[in-house]
Amino acid sequence: MSDKGGFGDAINESKGDFRVFIALNVLLSIMFGNTLVWGLDYVGFIEYSLLNVVTAAIVLFSIAYLMIQP
């Protein structure tokens, strides 16, 4: 199977929709932040609270956002 001018070129030239990145980043940051805070609460490191989940999600969102900047 040859890939001349096909899928590989489309991936390399695709800019993507920035709104999709933001939406997925928000969703995944909240989910991972929730899991992270729950795990840290389980081992007794921090208390599971909405403030801790939001803080973790904001930190994760910021890191992911900064990683894609040129």
PDB file of N, CA and C in Angstrom:
ATOM      1  N   MET A   1       0.831  -1.178   0.000  1.00  0.00           N
ATOM      2  CA  MET A   1       0.000   0.000   0.000  1.00  0.00           C
ATOM      3  C   MET A   1       0.878   1.244   0.000  1.00  0.00           C
ATOM      4  N   SER A   2       0.668   2.077  -0.941  1.00  0.00           N
ATOM      5  CA  SER A   2       1.437   3.309  -1.055  1.00  0.00           C
ATOM      6  C   SER A   2       0.706   4.452  -0.353  1.00  0.00           C
ATOM      7  N   ASP A   3       1.491   5.354   0.203  1.00  0.00           N
ATOM      8  CA  ASP A   3       0.917   6.474   0.946  1.00  0.00           C
ATOM      9  C   ASP A   3       1.198   7.800   0.251  1.00  0.00           C
ATOM     10  N   LYS A   4       1.382   7.767  -1.062  1.00  0.00           N
ATOM     11  CA  LYS A   4       1.710   8.988  -1.795  1.00  0.00           C
ATOM     12  C   LYS A   4       0.555   9.981  -1.728  1.00  0.00           C
ATOM     13  N   GLY A   5       0.838  11.127  -1.150  1.00  0.00           N
ATOM     14  CA  GLY A   5      -0.173  12.181  -1.109  1.00  0.00           C
ATOM     15  C   GLY A   5      -1.425  11.788  -0.361  1.00  0.00           C
ATOM     16  N   GLY A   6      -1.303  10.882   0.552  1.00  0.00           N
ATOM     17  CA  GLY A   6      -2.485  10.390   1.245  1.00  0.00           C
ATOM     18  C   GLY A   6      -2.575  10.836   2.687  1.00  0.00           C
ATOM     19  N   PHE A   7      -2.784   9.866   3.533  1.00  0.00           N
ATOM     20  CA  PHE A   7      -3.050  10.121   4.944  1.00  0.00           C
ATOM     21  C   PHE A   7      -1.900  10.844   5.639  1.00  0.00           C
ATOM     22  N   GLY A   8      -0.670  10.453   5.350  1.00  0.00           N
ATOM     23  CA  GLY A   8       0.491  11.086   5.985  1.00  0.00           C
ATOM     24  C   GLY A   8       0.586  12.568   5.681  1.00  0.00           C
ATOM     25  N   ASP A   9       0.348  12.934   4.424  1.00  0.00           N
ATOM     26  CA  ASP A   9       0.379  14.352   4.052  1.00  0.00           C
ATOM     27  C   ASP A   9      -0.762  15.121   4.709  1.00  0.00           C
ATOM     28  N   ALA A  10      -1.901  14.501   4.796  1.00  0.00           N
ATOM     29  CA  ALA A  10      -3.044  15.167   5.419  1.00  0.00           C
ATOM     30  C   ALA A  10      -2.777  15.454   6.890  1.00  0.00           C
ATOM     31  N   ILE A  11      -2.147  14.524   7.577  1.00  0.00           N
ATOM     32  CA  ILE A  11      -1.830  14.734   8.989  1.00  0.00           C
ATOM     33  C   ILE A  11      -0.799  15.840   9.153  1.00  0.00           C
ATOM     34  N   ASN A  12       0.216  15.841   8.313  1.00  0.00           N
ATOM     35  CA  ASN A  12       1.272  16.847   8.416  1.00  0.00           C
ATOM     36  C   ASN A  12       0.782  18.251   8.096  1.00  0.00           C
ATOM     37  N   GLU A  13      -0.191  18.380   7.213  1.00  0.00           N
ATOM     38  CA  GLU A  13      -0.669  19.689   6.786  1.00  0.00           C
ATOM     39  C   GLU A  13      -1.902  20.157   7.545  1.00  0.00           C
ATOM     40  N   SER A  14      -2.499  19.302   8.347  1.00  0.00           N
ATOM     41  CA  SER A  14      -3.717  19.662   9.051  1.00  0.00           C
ATOM     42  C   SER A  14      -3.420  20.616  10.200  1.00  0.00           C
ATOM     43  N   LYS A  15      -4.150  21.709  10.244  1.00  0.00           N
ATOM     44  CA  LYS A  15      -4.018  22.670  11.331  1.00  0.00           C
ATOM     45  C   LYS A  15      -4.924  22.281  12.499  1.00  0.00           C
ATOM     46  N   GLY A  16      -6.014  21.632  12.218  1.00  0.00           N
ATOM     47  CA  GLY A  16      -6.956  21.253  13.255  1.00  0.00           C
ATOM     48  C   GLY A  16      -7.777  22.445  13.733  1.00  0.00           C
ATOM     49  N   ASP A  17      -8.800  22.167  14.490  1.00  0.00           N
ATOM     50  CA  ASP A  17      -9.655  23.209  15.047  1.00  0.00           C
ATOM     51  C   ASP A  17      -9.257  23.433  16.495  1.00  0.00           C
ATOM     52  N   PHE A  18      -8.846  24.644  16.799  1.00  0.00           N
ATOM     53  CA  PHE A  18      -8.353  24.958  18.135  1.00  0.00           C
ATOM     54  C   PHE A  18      -9.442  24.779  19.193  1.00  0.00           C
ATOM     55  N   ARG A  19     -10.705  25.002  18.821  1.00  0.00           N
ATOM     56  CA  ARG A  19     -11.808  24.833  19.774  1.00  0.00           C
ATOM     57  C   ARG A  19     -11.946  23.381  20.211  1.00  0.00           C
ATOM     58  N   VAL A  20     -11.655  22.459  19.315  1.00  0.00           N
ATOM     59  CA  VAL A  20     -11.715  21.039  19.668  1.00  0.00           C
ATOM     60  C   VAL A  20     -10.622  20.720  20.675  1.00  0.00           C
ATOM     61  N   PHE A  21      -9.429  21.257  20.457  1.00  0.00           N
ATOM     62  CA  PHE A  21      -8.342  21.056  21.415  1.00  0.00           C
ATOM     63  C   PHE A  21      -8.723  21.597  22.788  1.00  0.00           C
ATOM     64  N   ILE A  22      -9.270  22.801  22.835  1.00  0.00           N
ATOM     65  CA  ILE A  22      -9.644  23.412  24.115  1.00  0.00           C
ATOM     66  C   ILE A  22     -10.710  22.567  24.812  1.00  0.00           C
ATOM     67  N   ALA A  23     -11.729  22.148  24.073  1.00  0.00           N
ATOM     68  CA  ALA A  23     -12.808  21.355  24.672  1.00  0.00           C
ATOM     69  C   ALA A  23     -12.285  20.030  25.218  1.00  0.00           C
ATOM     70  N   LEU A  24     -11.472  19.336  24.428  1.00  0.00           N
ATOM     71  CA  LEU A  24     -10.915  18.066  24.896  1.00  0.00           C
ATOM     72  C   LEU A  24      -9.958  18.278  26.059  1.00  0.00           C
ATOM     73  N   ASN A  25      -9.189  19.354  26.015  1.00  0.00           N
ATOM     74  CA  ASN A  25      -8.251  19.645  27.090  1.00  0.00           C
ATOM     75  C   ASN A  25      -9.001  19.903  28.394  1.00  0.00           C
ATOM     76  N   VAL A  26     -10.083  20.672  28.338  1.00  0.00           N
ATOM     77  CA  VAL A  26     -10.879  20.939  29.538  1.00  0.00           C
ATOM     78  C   VAL A  26     -11.455  19.641  30.089  1.00  0.00           C
ATOM     79  N   LEU A  27     -12.080  18.855  29.229  1.00  0.00           N
ATOM     80  CA  LEU A  27     -12.708  17.608  29.668  1.00  0.00           C
ATOM     81  C   LEU A  27     -11.695  16.640  30.273  1.00  0.00           C
ATOM     82  N   LEU A  28     -10.592  16.418  29.576  1.00  0.00           N
ATOM     83  CA  LEU A  28      -9.601  15.462  30.061  1.00  0.00           C
ATOM     84  C   LEU A  28      -8.864  15.975  31.293  1.00  0.00           C
ATOM     85  N   SER A  29      -8.656  17.282  31.390  1.00  0.00           N
ATOM     86  CA  SER A  29      -8.007  17.841  32.574  1.00  0.00           C
ATOM     87  C   SER A  29      -8.883  17.665  33.807  1.00  0.00           C
ATOM     88  N   ILE A  30     -10.182  17.879  33.649  1.00  0.00           N
ATOM     89  CA  ILE A  30     -11.103  17.682  34.773  1.00  0.00           C
ATOM     90  C   ILE A  30     -11.132  16.217  35.187  1.00  0.00           C
ATOM     91  N   MET A  31     -11.225  15.324  34.209  1.00  0.00           N
ATOM     92  CA  MET A  31     -11.279  13.893  34.535  1.00  0.00           C
ATOM     93  C   MET A  31      -9.990  13.427  35.209  1.00  0.00           C
ATOM     94  N   PHE A  32      -8.843  13.809  34.657  1.00  0.00           N
ATOM     95  CA  PHE A  32      -7.577  13.379  35.238  1.00  0.00           C
ATOM     96  C   PHE A  32      -7.339  14.059  36.580  1.00  0.00           C
ATOM     97  N   GLY A  33      -7.702  15.333  36.698  1.00  0.00           N
ATOM     98  CA  GLY A  33      -7.567  16.034  37.975  1.00  0.00           C
ATOM     99  C   GLY A  33      -8.411  15.382  39.053  1.00  0.00           C
ATOM    100  N   ASN A  34      -9.624  14.973  38.698  1.00  0.00           N
ATOM    101  CA  ASN A  34     -10.497  14.283  39.643  1.00  0.00           C
ATOM    102  C   ASN A  34      -9.878  12.963  40.095  1.00  0.00           C
ATOM    103  N   THR A  35      -9.361  12.206  39.147  1.00  0.00           N
ATOM    104  CA  THR A  35      -8.727  10.925  39.469  1.00  0.00           C
ATOM    105  C   THR A  35      -7.486  11.126  40.325  1.00  0.00           C
ATOM    106  N   LEU A  36      -6.694  12.128  39.989  1.00  0.00           N
ATOM    107  CA  LEU A  36      -5.475  12.416  40.738  1.00  0.00           C
ATOM    108  C   LEU A  36      -5.788  12.801  42.184  1.00  0.00           C
ATOM    109  N   VAL A  37      -6.749  13.699  42.378  1.00  0.00           N
ATOM    110  CA  VAL A  37      -7.113  14.128  43.733  1.00  0.00           C
ATOM    111  C   VAL A  37      -7.735  12.970  44.506  1.00  0.00           C
ATOM    112  N   TRP A  38      -8.557  12.159  43.848  1.00  0.00           N
ATOM    113  CA  TRP A  38      -9.147  10.999  44.528  1.00  0.00           C
ATOM    114  C   TRP A  38      -8.048  10.048  45.003  1.00  0.00           C
ATOM    115  N   GLY A  39      -7.060   9.788  44.133  1.00  0.00           N
ATOM    116  CA  GLY A  39      -5.963   8.899  44.505  1.00  0.00           C
ATOM    117  C   GLY A  39      -5.133   9.459  45.645  1.00  0.00           C
ATOM    118  N   LEU A  40      -4.866  10.754  45.613  1.00  0.00           N
ATOM    119  CA  LEU A  40      -4.101  11.369  46.699  1.00  0.00           C
ATOM    120  C   LEU A  40      -4.897  11.387  48.000  1.00  0.00           C
ATOM    121  N   ASP A  41      -6.222  11.516  47.908  1.00  0.00           N
ATOM    122  CA  ASP A  41      -7.064  11.416  49.101  1.00  0.00           C
ATOM    123  C   ASP A  41      -7.073   9.989  49.636  1.00  0.00           C
ATOM    124  N   TYR A  42      -7.072   9.033  48.735  1.00  0.00           N
ATOM    125  CA  TYR A  42      -7.090   7.618  49.126  1.00  0.00           C
ATOM    126  C   TYR A  42      -5.861   7.244  49.952  1.00  0.00           C
ATOM    127  N   VAL A  43      -4.708   7.803  49.581  1.00  0.00           N
ATOM    128  CA  VAL A  43      -3.481   7.513  50.335  1.00  0.00           C
ATOM    129  C   VAL A  43      -3.286   8.480  51.497  1.00  0.00           C
ATOM    130  N   GLY A  44      -4.200   9.432  51.664  1.00  0.00           N
ATOM    131  CA  GLY A  44      -4.151  10.334  52.804  1.00  0.00           C
ATOM    132  C   GLY A  44      -3.251  11.542  52.637  1.00  0.00           C
ATOM    133  N   PHE A  45      -2.919  11.893  51.402  1.00  0.00           N
ATOM    134  CA  PHE A  45      -2.014  13.018  51.169  1.00  0.00           C
ATOM    135  C   PHE A  45      -2.744  14.357  51.192  1.00  0.00           C
ATOM    136  N   ILE A  46      -3.903  14.430  50.521  1.00  0.00           N
ATOM    137  CA  ILE A  46      -4.722  15.642  50.531  1.00  0.00           C
ATOM    138  C   ILE A  46      -6.182  15.246  50.690  1.00  0.00           C
ATOM    139  N   GLU A  47      -7.024  16.242  50.960  1.00  0.00           N
ATOM    140  CA  GLU A  47      -8.450  16.001  51.109  1.00  0.00           C
ATOM    141  C   GLU A  47      -9.136  16.117  49.747  1.00  0.00           C
ATOM    142  N   TYR A  48     -10.085  15.223  49.494  1.00  0.00           N
ATOM    143  CA  TYR A  48     -10.857  15.279  48.255  1.00  0.00           C
ATOM    144  C   TYR A  48     -11.896  16.383  48.387  1.00  0.00           C
ATOM    145  N   SER A  49     -11.741  17.437  47.600  1.00  0.00           N
ATOM    146  CA  SER A  49     -12.701  18.542  47.615  1.00  0.00           C
ATOM    147  C   SER A  49     -12.790  19.140  46.217  1.00  0.00           C
ATOM    148  N   LEU A  50     -13.846  19.891  45.995  1.00  0.00           N
ATOM    149  CA  LEU A  50     -14.045  20.526  44.697  1.00  0.00           C
ATOM    150  C   LEU A  50     -12.912  21.504  44.395  1.00  0.00           C
ATOM    151  N   LEU A  51     -12.470  22.233  45.391  1.00  0.00           N
ATOM    152  CA  LEU A  51     -11.387  23.192  45.193  1.00  0.00           C
ATOM    153  C   LEU A  51     -10.103  22.494  44.741  1.00  0.00           C
ATOM    154  N   ASN A  52      -9.778  21.355  45.350  1.00  0.00           N
ATOM    155  CA  ASN A  52      -8.574  20.618  44.957  1.00  0.00           C
ATOM    156  C   ASN A  52      -8.697  20.049  43.543  1.00  0.00           C
ATOM    157  N   VAL A  53      -9.877  19.579  43.180  1.00  0.00           N
ATOM    158  CA  VAL A  53     -10.088  19.046  41.827  1.00  0.00           C
ATOM    159  C   VAL A  53      -9.963  20.164  40.799  1.00  0.00           C
ATOM    160  N   VAL A  54     -10.565  21.308  41.072  1.00  0.00           N
ATOM    161  CA  VAL A  54     -10.487  22.440  40.142  1.00  0.00           C
ATOM    162  C   VAL A  54      -9.050  22.930  40.010  1.00  0.00           C
ATOM    163  N   THR A  55      -8.339  23.008  41.120  1.00  0.00           N
ATOM    164  CA  THR A  55      -6.939  23.440  41.079  1.00  0.00           C
ATOM    165  C   THR A  55      -6.094  22.483  40.247  1.00  0.00           C
ATOM    166  N   ALA A  56      -6.272  21.192  40.456  1.00  0.00           N
ATOM    167  CA  ALA A  56      -5.523  20.201  39.679  1.00  0.00           C
ATOM    168  C   ALA A  56      -5.872  20.301  38.195  1.00  0.00           C
ATOM    169  N   ALA A  57      -7.156  20.492  37.885  1.00  0.00           N
ATOM    170  CA  ALA A  57      -7.581  20.608  36.487  1.00  0.00           C
ATOM    171  C   ALA A  57      -6.980  21.848  35.829  1.00  0.00           C
ATOM    172  N   ILE A  58      -6.934  22.957  36.548  1.00  0.00           N
ATOM    173  CA  ILE A  58      -6.352  24.185  35.987  1.00  0.00           C
ATOM    174  C   ILE A  58      -4.862  24.005  35.728  1.00  0.00           C
ATOM    175  N   VAL A  59      -4.165  23.377  36.651  1.00  0.00           N
ATOM    176  CA  VAL A  59      -2.729  23.134  36.466  1.00  0.00           C
ATOM    177  C   VAL A  59      -2.497  22.225  35.263  1.00  0.00           C
ATOM    178  N   LEU A  60      -3.253  21.142  35.159  1.00  0.00           N
ATOM    179  CA  LEU A  60      -3.099  20.219  34.035  1.00  0.00           C
ATOM    180  C   LEU A  60      -3.456  20.886  32.708  1.00  0.00           C
ATOM    181  N   PHE A  61      -4.531  21.665  32.696  1.00  0.00           N
ATOM    182  CA  PHE A  61      -4.928  22.386  31.486  1.00  0.00           C
ATOM    183  C   PHE A  61      -3.821  23.338  31.046  1.00  0.00           C
ATOM    184  N   SER A  62      -3.260  24.058  31.990  1.00  0.00           N
ATOM    185  CA  SER A  62      -2.207  25.026  31.671  1.00  0.00           C
ATOM    186  C   SER A  62      -0.965  24.351  31.105  1.00  0.00           C
ATOM    187  N   ILE A  63      -0.577  23.241  31.697  1.00  0.00           N
ATOM    188  CA  ILE A  63       0.600  22.511  31.209  1.00  0.00           C
ATOM    189  C   ILE A  63       0.367  22.023  29.781  1.00  0.00           C
ATOM    190  N   ALA A  64      -0.798  21.434  29.527  1.00  0.00           N
ATOM    191  CA  ALA A  64      -1.098  20.938  28.178  1.00  0.00           C
ATOM    192  C   ALA A  64      -1.174  22.086  27.177  1.00  0.00           C
ATOM    193  N   TYR A  65      -1.748  23.210  27.588  1.00  0.00           N
ATOM    194  CA  TYR A  65      -1.852  24.365  26.696  1.00  0.00           C
ATOM    195  C   TYR A  65      -0.474  24.916  26.351  1.00  0.00           C
ATOM    196  N   LEU A  66       0.397  25.022  27.338  1.00  0.00           N
ATOM    197  CA  LEU A  66       1.740  25.549  27.099  1.00  0.00           C
ATOM    198  C   LEU A  66       2.583  24.614  26.236  1.00  0.00           C
ATOM    199  N   MET A  67       2.309  23.323  26.303  1.00  0.00           N
ATOM    200  CA  MET A  67       3.091  22.359  25.530  1.00  0.00           C
ATOM    201  C   MET A  67       2.832  22.456  24.030  1.00  0.00           C
ATOM    202  N   ILE A  68       1.674  22.958  23.622  1.00  0.00           N
ATOM    203  CA  ILE A  68       1.377  23.013  22.186  1.00  0.00           C
ATOM    204  C   ILE A  68       1.723  24.355  21.566  1.00  0.00           C
ATOM    205  N   GLN A  69       2.147  25.311  22.356  1.00  0.00           N
ATOM    206  CA  GLN A  69       2.506  26.627  21.820  1.00  0.00           C
ATOM    207  C   GLN A  69       3.808  26.529  21.032  1.00  0.00           C
ATOM    208  N   PRO A  70       3.850  27.189  19.868  1.00  0.00           N
ATOM    209  CA  PRO A  70       5.075  27.118  19.042  1.00  0.00           C
ATOM    210  C   PRO A  70       6.229  27.888  19.651  1.00  0.00           C
TER     211      PRO A  70
END
